[in-house]
C-alpha atoms as a PDB file:
ATOM      1  CA  UNK A   1      71.607 143.502 -48.932  1.00  0.00           C
ATOM      2  CA  UNK A   2      71.969 143.537 -52.706  1.00  0.00           C
ATOM      3  CA  UNK A   3      75.129 141.726 -53.755  1.00  0.00           C
ATOM      4  CA  UNK A   4      75.369 142.431 -57.505  1.00  0.00           C
ATOM      5  CA  UNK A   5      75.927 145.923 -58.893  1.00  0.00           C
ATOM      6  CA  UNK A   6      76.012 147.130 -62.516  1.00  0.00           C
ATOM      7  CA  UNK A   7      76.698 150.708 -63.581  1.00  0.00           C
ATOM      8  CA  UNK A   8      77.530 152.366 -66.865  1.00  0.00           C
ATOM      9  CA  UNK A   9      81.100 153.620 -67.099  1.00  0.00           C
ATOM     10  CA  UNK A  10      82.143 156.181 -69.687  1.00  0.00           C
ATOM     11  CA  UNK A  11      85.469 155.656 -71.405  1.00  0.00           C
ATOM     12  CA  UNK A  12      86.894 158.921 -72.695  1.00  0.00           C
ATOM     13  CA  UNK A  13      89.622 158.303 -75.273  1.00  0.00           C
ATOM     14  CA  UNK A  14      92.495 160.775 -75.635  1.00  0.00           C
ATOM     15  CA  UNK A  15      95.896 160.519 -77.305  1.00  0.00           C
ATOM     16  CA  UNK A  16      97.565 159.515 -74.034  1.00  0.00           C
ATOM     17  CA  UNK A  17      95.110 157.355 -72.100  1.00  0.00           C
ATOM     18  CA  UNK A  18      91.499 156.322 -71.470  1.00  0.00           C
ATOM     19  CA  UNK A  19      89.749 158.217 -68.664  1.00  0.00           C
ATOM     20  CA  UNK A  20      87.079 156.237 -66.799  1.00  0.00           C
ATOM     21  CA  UNK A  21      84.132 157.957 -65.122  1.00  0.00           C
ATOM     22  CA  UNK A  22      80.737 156.913 -63.801  1.00  0.00           C
ATOM     23  CA  UNK A  23      77.784 159.289 -64.310  1.00  0.00           C
ATOM     24  CA  UNK A  24      76.053 157.977 -61.168  1.00  0.00           C
ATOM     25  CA  UNK A  25      79.133 157.769 -58.921  1.00  0.00           C
ATOM     26  CA  UNK A  26      81.057 161.006 -59.223  1.00  0.00           C
ATOM     27  CA  UNK A  27      83.914 159.873 -56.974  1.00  0.00           C
ATOM     28  CA  UNK A  28      84.566 156.739 -59.077  1.00  0.00           C
ATOM     29  CA  UNK A  29      87.436 157.724 -61.373  1.00  0.00           C
ATOM     30  CA  UNK A  30      90.304 155.894 -63.002  1.00  0.00           C
ATOM     31  CA  UNK A  31      92.365 155.765 -66.176  1.00  0.00           C
ATOM     32  CA  UNK A  32      93.898 153.089 -68.379  1.00  0.00           C
ATOM     33  CA  UNK A  33      96.185 152.557 -71.342  1.00  0.00           C
ATOM     34  CA  UNK A  34      94.088 149.918 -73.162  1.00  0.00           C
ATOM     35  CA  UNK A  35      90.480 148.768 -73.460  1.00  0.00           C
ATOM     36  CA  UNK A  36      91.235 145.565 -71.534  1.00  0.00           C
ATOM     37  CA  UNK A  37      92.844 147.524 -68.712  1.00  0.00           C
ATOM     38  CA  UNK A  38      89.947 150.016 -68.736  1.00  0.00           C
ATOM     39  CA  UNK A  39      87.400 147.218 -68.271  1.00  0.00           C
ATOM     40  CA  UNK A  40      89.360 145.739 -65.347  1.00  0.00           C
ATOM     41  CA  UNK A  41      89.864 149.122 -63.715  1.00  0.00           C
ATOM     42  CA  UNK A  42      86.213 150.135 -64.166  1.00  0.00           C
ATOM     43  CA  UNK A  43      85.115 146.956 -62.374  1.00  0.00           C
ATOM     44  CA  UNK A  44      87.699 147.507 -59.615  1.00  0.00           C
ATOM     45  CA  UNK A  45      86.825 151.149 -58.995  1.00  0.00           C
ATOM     46  CA  UNK A  46      83.112 150.305 -59.005  1.00  0.00           C
ATOM     47  CA  UNK A  47      83.649 147.677 -56.314  1.00  0.00           C
ATOM     48  CA  UNK A  48      85.769 150.009 -54.170  1.00  0.00           C
ATOM     49  CA  UNK A  49      83.225 152.810 -54.526  1.00  0.00           C
ATOM     50  CA  UNK A  50      80.236 150.640 -53.601  1.00  0.00           C
ATOM     51  CA  UNK A  51      82.096 149.108 -50.635  1.00  0.00           C
ATOM     52  CA  UNK A  52      83.047 152.579 -49.421  1.00  0.00           C
ATOM     53  CA  UNK A  53      79.471 153.844 -49.708  1.00  0.00           C
ATOM     54  CA  UNK A  54      78.145 150.812 -47.824  1.00  0.00           C
ATOM     55  CA  UNK A  55      80.757 151.224 -45.086  1.00  0.00           C
ATOM     56  CA  UNK A  56      80.007 154.949 -44.765  1.00  0.00           C
ATOM     57  CA  UNK A  57      76.234 154.285 -44.867  1.00  0.00           C
ATOM     58  CA  UNK A  58      75.914 156.498 -47.939  1.00  0.00           C
ATOM     59  CA  UNK A  59      73.243 156.216 -50.598  1.00  0.00           C
ATOM     60  CA  UNK A  60      73.713 153.741 -53.447  1.00  0.00           C
ATOM     61  CA  UNK A  61      72.046 155.492 -56.413  1.00  0.00           C
ATOM     62  CA  UNK A  62      69.842 153.770 -58.946  1.00  0.00           C
ATOM     63  CA  UNK A  63      71.855 153.321 -62.155  1.00  0.00           C
ATOM     64  CA  UNK A  64      70.945 155.645 -65.029  1.00  0.00           C
ATOM     65  CA  UNK A  65      69.686 153.732 -68.093  1.00  0.00           C
ATOM     66  CA  UNK A  66      72.255 153.510 -70.882  1.00  0.00           C
ATOM     67  CA  UNK A  67      70.024 155.365 -73.366  1.00  0.00           C
ATOM     68  CA  UNK A  68      69.855 158.382 -71.014  1.00  0.00           C
ATOM     69  CA  UNK A  69      73.617 158.970 -70.919  1.00  0.00           C
ATOM     70  CA  UNK A  70      74.840 161.607 -73.388  1.00  0.00           C
ATOM     71  CA  UNK A  71      78.201 160.937 -75.037  1.00  0.00           C
ATOM     72  CA  UNK A  72      80.724 163.028 -76.901  1.00  0.00           C
ATOM     73  CA  UNK A  73      82.417 161.829 -80.079  1.00  0.00           C
ATOM     74  CA  UNK A  74      85.494 160.405 -78.313  1.00  0.00           C
ATOM     75  CA  UNK A  75      83.482 158.546 -75.637  1.00  0.00           C
ATOM     76  CA  UNK A  76      82.112 155.019 -75.385  1.00  0.00           C
ATOM     77  CA  UNK A  77      80.273 153.174 -72.630  1.00  0.00           C
ATOM     78  CA  UNK A  78      80.824 149.849 -70.931  1.00  0.00           C
ATOM     79  CA  UNK A  79      78.810 148.096 -68.248  1.00  0.00           C
ATOM     80  CA  UNK A  80      80.937 147.711 -65.130  1.00  0.00           C
ATOM     81  CA  UNK A  81      79.911 145.005 -62.678  1.00  0.00           C
ATOM     82  CA  UNK A  82      80.898 143.850 -59.234  1.00  0.00           C
ATOM     83  CA  UNK A  83      79.784 141.553 -56.456  1.00  0.00           C
ATOM     84  CA  UNK A  84      79.933 142.622 -52.847  1.00  0.00           C
ATOM     85  CA  UNK A  85      80.001 140.085 -50.068  1.00  0.00           C
ATOM     86  CA  UNK A  86      78.022 141.186 -47.063  1.00  0.00           C
ATOM     87  CA  UNK A  87      80.400 142.074 -44.281  1.00  0.00           C
ATOM     88  CA  UNK A  88      79.920 140.130 -41.070  1.00  0.00           C
ATOM     89  CA  UNK A  89      80.718 141.745 -37.746  1.00  0.00           C
ATOM     90  CA  UNK A  90      81.941 139.371 -35.068  1.00  0.00           C
ATOM     91  CA  UNK A  91      81.269 140.151 -31.424  1.00  0.00           C
ATOM     92  CA  UNK A  92      83.083 138.505 -28.540  1.00  0.00           C
ATOM     93  CA  UNK A  93      80.888 136.645 -26.106  1.00  0.00           C
ATOM     94  CA  UNK A  94      81.251 137.670 -22.474  1.00  0.00           C
END
């Protein structure tokens, strides 16, 4: 199982907060009040999303290349990363 994941996150700046979305993982959403918080939250939501997809046996999409992601004027990208430890299932011996 692949242990390292990297996906582009889009930071959408408004007057009130920074919205965080992932073009390849539509359910991965968050928001933050600062760039530093946005980076932490993007990494956290990426990890939770990948873990959930693995647990549910859902597809893990191939990340879209950065140069293929269209942006609006108030948007910037960051590269979110996470490491997933392979889950081990323990079985009682009879």
